[in-house]
Protein backbone atom coordinates (compact mmCIF):
# COMPACT_ATOMS: atom_id res chain seq x y z
CA MET A 1 35.83 48.36 64.85
CA VAL A 2 36.03 46.37 68.09
CA LYS A 3 38.08 43.59 66.50
CA GLN A 4 40.58 46.09 65.12
CA ALA A 5 40.86 47.93 68.46
CA LEU A 6 41.43 44.68 70.35
CA GLU A 7 44.05 43.57 67.82
CA ALA A 8 45.83 46.93 67.94
CA PHE A 9 45.72 47.62 71.68
CA GLY A 10 44.74 44.38 73.40
CA PRO A 11 42.75 44.41 76.63
CA ALA A 12 45.65 45.90 78.61
CA GLY A 13 46.06 48.70 76.08
CA LEU A 14 42.35 49.55 76.32
CA THR A 15 42.61 49.75 80.12
CA HIS A 16 45.57 52.12 79.71
CA LEU A 17 43.51 54.29 77.36
CA ALA A 18 40.79 54.38 80.02
CA ASP A 19 43.43 55.73 82.44
CA LEU A 20 43.24 58.92 80.37
CA THR A 21 39.52 59.35 81.04
CA GLU A 22 37.82 60.82 84.07
CA LYS A 23 35.22 58.14 84.82
CA ARG A 24 36.16 54.99 82.81
CA THR A 25 32.45 54.61 81.91
CA CYS A 26 31.60 52.28 79.03
CA ARG A 27 28.79 50.07 77.73
CA PHE A 28 28.23 47.30 75.23
CA ALA A 29 26.28 48.29 72.14
CA SER A 30 25.37 46.11 69.18
CA ALA A 31 23.85 46.35 65.74
CA ALA A 32 22.75 44.10 62.92
CA VAL A 33 21.69 45.01 59.40
CA TYR A 34 19.62 42.69 57.22
CA ALA A 35 19.45 43.28 53.46
CA ASP A 36 16.26 41.81 52.04
CA ALA A 37 15.82 40.39 48.53
CA GLU A 38 15.03 43.88 47.16
CA GLY A 39 18.19 45.32 48.72
CA VAL A 40 16.31 47.26 51.40
CA LEU A 41 18.35 47.50 54.60
CA HIS A 42 16.67 46.79 57.93
CA THR A 43 18.71 47.98 60.92
CA PHE A 44 18.46 46.65 64.45
CA ALA A 45 20.50 48.45 67.12
CA ASP A 46 20.80 48.50 70.87
CA ASP A 47 22.79 50.78 73.11
CA SER A 48 20.39 50.68 76.04
CA ARG A 49 22.35 48.26 78.21
CA LYS A 50 23.38 49.50 81.63
CA PRO A 51 26.78 51.15 81.64
CA GLY A 52 29.76 49.77 83.43
CA THR A 53 33.37 50.76 83.82
CA ILE A 54 36.67 49.66 82.38
CA ALA A 55 38.74 47.75 84.93
CA PRO A 56 42.18 49.07 85.94
CA ALA A 57 43.68 45.87 84.47
CA PRO A 58 42.32 42.83 82.60
CA ASP A 59 40.94 40.06 84.82
CA ARG A 60 39.79 36.80 83.25
CA GLY A 61 39.00 35.20 86.60
CA THR A 62 38.91 31.42 86.77
CA GLY A 63 35.73 30.83 84.76
CA LEU A 64 35.66 29.13 81.40
CA ARG A 65 33.05 31.42 79.82
CA SER A 66 34.31 34.34 77.79
CA TRP A 67 32.94 35.32 74.44
CA SER A 68 35.25 38.29 73.98
CA ASP A 69 38.42 39.72 75.46
CA LEU A 70 36.24 42.70 76.36
CA TRP A 71 34.74 40.55 79.12
CA SER A 72 38.13 40.74 80.88
CA ILE A 73 37.98 44.54 81.17
CA PHE A 74 34.24 45.33 81.48
CA VAL A 75 32.98 45.76 85.05
CA PRO A 76 29.15 45.70 84.97
CA GLU A 77 27.28 48.33 86.96
CA GLY A 78 26.68 47.19 90.52
CA THR A 79 29.61 44.74 90.58
CA THR A 80 33.27 44.98 91.50
CA SER A 81 34.58 42.27 89.15
CA THR A 82 34.97 42.05 85.42
CA LEU A 83 32.31 40.19 83.50
CA ALA A 84 34.78 37.34 82.87
CA ALA A 85 35.63 37.04 86.58
CA LEU A 86 32.02 37.03 87.83
CA PRO A 87 30.50 33.75 89.00
CA PRO A 88 28.35 32.05 86.33
CA THR A 89 25.12 32.85 88.23
CA ASP A 90 25.96 36.58 88.20
CA GLN A 91 26.87 36.40 84.52
CA ASP A 92 23.56 34.67 83.78
CA GLN A 93 21.65 37.44 85.58
CA ILE A 94 23.38 40.12 83.50
CA PHE A 95 22.78 38.21 80.27
CA ALA A 96 19.09 37.80 81.16
CA GLU A 97 18.81 41.59 81.49
CA TRP A 98 20.60 42.12 78.18
CA ARG A 99 18.53 39.49 76.36
CA GLY A 100 15.47 41.73 76.46
CA ASN A 101 17.16 44.20 74.11
CA SER A 102 19.12 41.74 71.99
CA VAL A 103 19.49 42.76 68.35
CA VAL A 104 19.54 39.08 67.43
CA ALA A 105 16.16 38.60 69.16
CA ALA A 106 14.80 41.73 67.46
CA LEU A 107 15.99 40.50 64.06
CA GLY A 108 14.47 37.07 64.70
CA ALA A 109 11.13 38.59 65.75
CA TRP A 110 11.09 40.81 62.65
CA LEU A 111 11.91 37.86 60.36
CA ALA A 112 9.07 35.86 61.96
CA GLU A 113 6.65 38.72 61.18
CA VAL A 114 7.87 39.10 57.60
CA ASP A 115 7.93 35.37 56.87
CA PRO A 116 5.89 33.45 59.46
CA ARG A 117 7.02 30.11 57.98
CA HIS A 118 10.28 30.49 60.01
């Protein structure tokens, strides 16, 4: 759904939609589903990351790191800049906090339990 929203509205369009809200609060959430050989689905989800706000306008800053256009509009809690515009050390601190609840890490840990050969 994120890809379609970004293609339809773009970062600037999403900031304009946030103009219609009272608080502009948002958060990153993620999910992964693994289908095993028997077809059983194993779901890993995380929506526990700290909230942030949507910036008044996109800001990519001058950094080279940006995984998603969402980085140009997401202002992490406790900061005044978008994730894309933050210095790399501040980005690294935020990513370290998020890593603890990563769905990719949870999936990897589960796979290691199920098949310890990996």
